[in-house]
Amino acid sequence: MRKRKPKTKPTSILAYYEVLENLGERQVEVYKVIRELESCNNTMIAKHLNLPINSITPRTNELRKYGVVMEDKKAICPYTKKLTIFWRVRRRL
């Protein structure tokens, strides 16, 4: 028997969009890159935006706390060859 996926409540959907509307400029840039790349780590985001990683890491942590991005997997970074956390957008509504 298949488990049914719980239905998202309308209030949760509204809260999600409200968070997206209140993001800062840099947070929006980081969010868009994560959405575009589908699964990426902080180094990949920094390379994509041509910014230092120390301006990316706090933004991904904020987005995670807001609930709009989540850990996708832990994998080897193609640039640093080290094990890193890859992020993905939590929900595409």
C-alpha atoms as a PDB file:
ATOM      1  CA  MET A   1       0.000   0.000   0.000  1.00  0.00           C
ATOM      2  CA  ARG A   2       1.399   3.418  -1.003  1.00  0.00           C
ATOM      3  CA  LYS A   3       1.661   6.187   1.513  1.00  0.00           C
ATOM      4  CA  ARG A   4      -0.286   9.262   0.545  1.00  0.00           C
ATOM      5  CA  LYS A   5       1.628  12.493   0.474  1.00  0.00           C
ATOM      6  CA  PRO A   6       0.086  14.973   2.913  1.00  0.00           C
ATOM      7  CA  LYS A   7      -1.708  17.824   1.223  1.00  0.00           C
ATOM      8  CA  THR A   8      -0.091  21.248   1.622  1.00  0.00           C
ATOM      9  CA  LYS A   9      -2.346  23.589   3.525  1.00  0.00           C
ATOM     10  CA  PRO A  10      -3.240  26.898   1.862  1.00  0.00           C
ATOM     11  CA  THR A  11      -1.829  28.778   4.850  1.00  0.00           C
ATOM     12  CA  SER A  12       1.531  27.061   4.375  1.00  0.00           C
ATOM     13  CA  ILE A  13       1.584  28.060   0.720  1.00  0.00           C
ATOM     14  CA  LEU A  14       0.805  31.676   1.618  1.00  0.00           C
ATOM     15  CA  ALA A  15       3.522  31.713   4.276  1.00  0.00           C
ATOM     16  CA  TYR A  16       6.029  30.318   1.764  1.00  0.00           C
ATOM     17  CA  TYR A  17       5.288  33.052  -0.768  1.00  0.00           C
ATOM     18  CA  GLU A  18       5.362  35.696   1.949  1.00  0.00           C
ATOM     19  CA  VAL A  19       8.883  34.613   2.899  1.00  0.00           C
ATOM     20  CA  LEU A  20       9.961  34.798  -0.756  1.00  0.00           C
ATOM     21  CA  GLU A  21       8.541  38.323  -1.070  1.00  0.00           C
ATOM     22  CA  ASN A  22      10.509  39.519   1.967  1.00  0.00           C
ATOM     23  CA  LEU A  23      13.931  38.198   0.986  1.00  0.00           C
ATOM     24  CA  GLY A  24      16.822  40.604   0.566  1.00  0.00           C
ATOM     25  CA  GLU A  25      18.491  41.232  -2.790  1.00  0.00           C
ATOM     26  CA  ARG A  26      21.430  38.869  -2.212  1.00  0.00           C
ATOM     27  CA  GLN A  27      19.138  36.194  -0.767  1.00  0.00           C
ATOM     28  CA  VAL A  28      17.001  36.360  -3.917  1.00  0.00           C
ATOM     29  CA  GLU A  29      20.105  36.018  -6.107  1.00  0.00           C
ATOM     30  CA  VAL A  30      21.247  32.938  -4.181  1.00  0.00           C
ATOM     31  CA  TYR A  31      17.726  31.455  -4.224  1.00  0.00           C
ATOM     32  CA  LYS A  32      17.493  31.898  -8.014  1.00  0.00           C
ATOM     33  CA  VAL A  33      20.852  30.177  -8.565  1.00  0.00           C
ATOM     34  CA  ILE A  34      19.837  27.226  -6.385  1.00  0.00           C
ATOM     35  CA  ARG A  35      16.539  26.982  -8.295  1.00  0.00           C
ATOM     36  CA  GLU A  36      18.339  27.221 -11.648  1.00  0.00           C
ATOM     37  CA  LEU A  37      21.073  24.676 -10.851  1.00  0.00           C
ATOM     38  CA  GLU A  38      18.572  22.416  -9.014  1.00  0.00           C
ATOM     39  CA  SER A  39      21.257  20.998  -6.704  1.00  0.00           C
ATOM     40  CA  CYS A  40      24.397  22.958  -5.841  1.00  0.00           C
ATOM     41  CA  ASN A  41      26.796  23.787  -3.043  1.00  0.00           C
ATOM     42  CA  ASN A  42      28.020  27.163  -1.797  1.00  0.00           C
ATOM     43  CA  THR A  43      31.140  27.079  -3.968  1.00  0.00           C
ATOM     44  CA  MET A  44      29.090  26.488  -7.096  1.00  0.00           C
ATOM     45  CA  ILE A  45      26.762  29.362  -6.161  1.00  0.00           C
ATOM     46  CA  ALA A  46      29.745  31.659  -5.541  1.00  0.00           C
ATOM     47  CA  LYS A  47      31.281  30.746  -8.915  1.00  0.00           C
ATOM     48  CA  HIS A  48      27.944  31.244 -10.682  1.00  0.00           C
ATOM     49  CA  LEU A  49      27.479  34.718  -9.160  1.00  0.00           C
ATOM     50  CA  ASN A  50      31.183  35.591  -9.309  1.00  0.00           C
ATOM     51  CA  LEU A  51      31.166  36.431  -5.582  1.00  0.00           C
ATOM     52  CA  PRO A  52      33.318  35.302  -2.651  1.00  0.00           C
ATOM     53  CA  ILE A  53      32.002  32.260  -0.814  1.00  0.00           C
ATOM     54  CA  ASN A  54      31.865  34.208   2.460  1.00  0.00           C
ATOM     55  CA  SER A  55      29.038  36.288   0.985  1.00  0.00           C
ATOM     56  CA  ILE A  56      27.140  33.149  -0.066  1.00  0.00           C
ATOM     57  CA  THR A  57      27.335  30.896   2.999  1.00  0.00           C
ATOM     58  CA  PRO A  58      25.342  33.216   5.312  1.00  0.00           C
ATOM     59  CA  ARG A  59      22.647  33.619   2.631  1.00  0.00           C
ATOM     60  CA  THR A  60      22.196  29.861   2.200  1.00  0.00           C
ATOM     61  CA  ASN A  61      21.967  29.478   5.983  1.00  0.00           C
ATOM     62  CA  GLU A  62      19.299  32.208   6.118  1.00  0.00           C
ATOM     63  CA  LEU A  63      17.346  30.609   3.277  1.00  0.00           C
ATOM     64  CA  ARG A  64      17.528  27.277   5.089  1.00  0.00           C
ATOM     65  CA  LYS A  65      16.244  28.858   8.309  1.00  0.00           C
ATOM     66  CA  TYR A  66      13.372  30.478   6.373  1.00  0.00           C
ATOM     67  CA  GLY A  67      12.499  27.047   5.002  1.00  0.00           C
ATOM     68  CA  VAL A  68      12.864  27.833   1.301  1.00  0.00           C
ATOM     69  CA  VAL A  69      15.951  25.685   0.668  1.00  0.00           C
ATOM     70  CA  MET A  70      17.004  22.387   2.160  1.00  0.00           C
ATOM     71  CA  GLU A  71      19.889  19.969   2.106  1.00  0.00           C
ATOM     72  CA  ASP A  72      19.729  17.816  -0.998  1.00  0.00           C
ATOM     73  CA  LYS A  73      22.753  15.593  -0.454  1.00  0.00           C
ATOM     74  CA  LYS A  74      26.349  15.470   0.672  1.00  0.00           C
ATOM     75  CA  ALA A  75      28.688  14.980  -2.254  1.00  0.00           C
ATOM     76  CA  ILE A  76      32.111  15.858  -3.574  1.00  0.00           C
ATOM     77  CA  CYS A  77      32.413  19.427  -4.849  1.00  0.00           C
ATOM     78  CA  PRO A  78      33.573  19.535  -8.473  1.00  0.00           C
ATOM     79  CA  TYR A  79      35.818  22.535  -7.672  1.00  0.00           C
ATOM     80  CA  THR A  80      37.334  21.797  -4.261  1.00  0.00           C
ATOM     81  CA  LYS A  81      37.149  17.983  -4.414  1.00  0.00           C
ATOM     82  CA  LYS A  82      35.906  17.999  -0.815  1.00  0.00           C
ATOM     83  CA  LEU A  83      32.711  16.624   0.683  1.00  0.00           C
ATOM     84  CA  THR A  84      30.118  19.422   0.859  1.00  0.00           C
ATOM     85  CA  ILE A  85      26.411  19.967   1.364  1.00  0.00           C
ATOM     86  CA  PHE A  86      24.373  20.489  -1.799  1.00  0.00           C
ATOM     87  CA  TRP A  87      21.211  22.594  -1.541  1.00  0.00           C
ATOM     88  CA  ARG A  88      17.923  22.469  -3.390  1.00  0.00           C
ATOM     89  CA  VAL A  89      14.749  24.533  -3.342  1.00  0.00           C
ATOM     90  CA  ARG A  90      12.339  23.068  -0.808  1.00  0.00           C
ATOM     91  CA  ARG A  91       9.169  23.554  -2.806  1.00  0.00           C
ATOM     92  CA  ARG A  92       8.322  24.625  -6.288  1.00  0.00           C
ATOM     93  CA  LEU A  93       4.774  25.895  -6.192  1.00  0.00           C
END
